[in-house]
Protein backbone atom coordinates (compact mmCIF):
# COMPACT_ATOMS: atom_id res chain seq x y z
CA MET A 1 -17.73 9.36 -24.06
CA LYS A 2 -20.34 8.49 -26.67
CA THR A 3 -22.81 11.22 -27.70
CA SER A 4 -26.18 10.31 -29.13
CA LEU A 5 -27.84 12.12 -32.02
CA ASP A 6 -30.59 13.37 -29.65
CA LEU A 7 -28.02 15.07 -27.39
CA LYS A 8 -26.37 16.74 -30.40
CA GLU A 9 -29.72 18.13 -31.57
CA ILE A 10 -30.51 19.45 -28.06
CA ASP A 11 -27.10 21.15 -27.97
CA LEU A 12 -27.89 22.77 -31.33
CA LEU A 13 -31.22 24.09 -30.00
CA ARG A 14 -29.50 25.68 -27.06
CA ASP A 15 -27.73 27.97 -29.55
CA PHE A 16 -31.10 29.40 -30.65
CA PRO A 17 -33.06 30.23 -27.46
CA GLU A 18 -35.66 32.21 -29.43
CA LEU A 19 -36.73 28.98 -31.15
CA THR A 20 -36.94 26.81 -28.06
CA PRO A 21 -39.08 26.81 -24.97
CA ILE A 22 -36.61 28.30 -22.53
CA TYR A 23 -38.62 29.54 -19.64
CA ARG A 24 -39.89 27.27 -16.87
CA GLU A 25 -41.92 28.32 -13.86
CA THR A 26 -41.65 26.90 -10.38
CA HIS A 27 -43.64 27.47 -7.27
CA ASP A 28 -42.07 25.95 -4.21
CA SER A 29 -43.77 27.84 -1.37
CA LYS A 30 -47.27 27.74 -0.01
CA GLN A 31 -47.80 31.41 -0.75
CA ILE A 32 -49.28 33.03 -3.80
CA LYS A 33 -46.72 34.40 -6.23
CA VAL A 34 -47.51 37.21 -8.64
CA PHE A 35 -45.30 38.07 -11.62
CA ASN A 36 -45.34 41.11 -13.90
CA ARG A 37 -45.17 40.01 -17.56
CA GLU A 38 -43.30 43.19 -18.50
CA ILE A 39 -40.45 42.20 -16.18
CA GLU A 40 -40.73 38.40 -16.59
CA ASP A 41 -40.97 38.55 -20.36
CA CYS A 42 -40.86 35.28 -22.22
CA ARG A 43 -40.78 34.55 -25.95
CA ASN A 44 -41.44 30.85 -25.71
CA TYR A 45 -42.72 28.68 -22.95
CA LEU A 46 -43.65 25.02 -22.73
CA SER A 47 -45.08 23.02 -19.84
CA ALA A 48 -45.27 19.48 -21.13
CA ASN A 49 -45.30 18.03 -17.66
CA ARG A 50 -47.64 18.26 -14.72
CA ARG A 51 -47.10 21.04 -12.29
CA ASP A 52 -48.10 21.20 -8.60
CA PHE A 53 -49.55 24.72 -8.90
CA TYR A 54 -52.41 26.53 -10.57
CA LYS A 55 -51.89 29.55 -12.80
CA ILE A 56 -54.02 32.56 -13.64
CA LEU A 57 -52.67 34.44 -16.65
CA MET A 58 -53.81 37.97 -17.42
CA ILE A 59 -52.53 39.20 -20.79
CA THR A 60 -52.98 42.95 -21.40
CA GLY A 61 -50.32 43.49 -24.06
CA GLY A 62 -48.35 41.54 -26.62
CA ASP A 63 -49.55 39.03 -29.16
CA GLY A 64 -48.91 35.34 -29.21
CA ILE A 65 -50.15 31.82 -29.70
CA PHE A 66 -51.38 30.05 -26.59
CA THR A 67 -51.77 26.32 -26.81
CA LEU A 68 -53.84 24.38 -24.27
CA GLY A 69 -53.66 20.65 -24.89
CA LEU A 70 -54.45 20.23 -28.62
CA ASN A 71 -56.22 23.65 -28.97
CA LYS A 72 -54.41 26.75 -30.24
CA TYR A 73 -55.64 30.27 -29.53
CA MET A 74 -54.39 33.51 -31.12
CA ILE A 75 -54.09 36.04 -28.29
CA ASP A 76 -54.24 39.65 -29.58
CA LYS A 77 -56.56 41.29 -27.06
CA PRO A 78 -56.68 41.50 -23.27
CA THR A 79 -57.37 37.96 -22.10
CA MET A 80 -57.50 36.07 -18.82
CA ILE A 81 -56.69 32.35 -18.72
CA PHE A 82 -57.12 29.92 -15.81
CA ILE A 83 -54.70 26.96 -16.05
CA HIS A 84 -55.06 23.71 -14.09
CA PRO A 85 -51.84 21.87 -13.00
CA ASN A 86 -52.62 18.96 -15.34
CA ASP A 87 -52.98 21.19 -18.39
CA ILE A 88 -50.23 20.96 -21.03
CA ILE A 89 -49.64 24.51 -22.21
CA SER A 90 -47.28 26.47 -24.42
CA TRP A 91 -46.84 30.13 -25.35
CA GLN A 92 -45.16 31.54 -28.43
CA LYS A 93 -44.75 35.31 -28.53
CA THR A 94 -45.45 36.70 -31.96
CA SER A 95 -45.20 40.50 -31.44
CA GLY A 96 -45.43 43.42 -29.08
CA GLU A 97 -44.19 44.04 -25.59
CA SER A 98 -45.54 41.61 -23.02
CA ALA A 99 -47.86 43.21 -20.47
CA GLY A 100 -50.09 41.86 -17.76
CA TYR A 101 -49.59 39.53 -14.80
CA TYR A 102 -49.61 35.89 -13.86
CA LEU A 103 -50.30 34.39 -10.53
CA LEU A 104 -49.13 30.99 -9.24
CA PHE A 105 -50.73 29.24 -6.25
CA LYS A 106 -51.17 25.79 -4.80
CA LYS A 107 -54.37 24.07 -3.77
CA ILE A 108 -54.93 24.06 -0.05
CA SER A 109 -55.61 20.46 1.05
CA SER A 110 -57.58 21.27 4.18
CA ILE A 111 -58.41 24.12 6.48
CA THR A 112 -59.05 23.69 10.16
CA ILE A 113 -60.99 26.47 11.92
CA GLN A 114 -61.23 26.38 15.71
CA CYS A 115 -63.57 28.55 17.68
């Protein structure tokens, strides 16, 4: 079996999870999911693809660099971020214990109310 240079580099990155975006979120139900950042701690995160859910991120502890598209933001204070499914985002933890919550939910296509 022939191994390409790209595959060798990816294998090397797997040996250093603190350097690579290793956490990926999914939301497969129609319900709202809430996660505690103290329990679901993440050093690095990258979402370079489109998701089918929205995210509200409330950061109350821990410092990091949040990237939205081409813009980088230093997060060192309590912050709330609203993320659209098409947004390309990344997070790199720089210090402190993660605290806060994030919420994942899907857009409701239509609601029918009968009286």
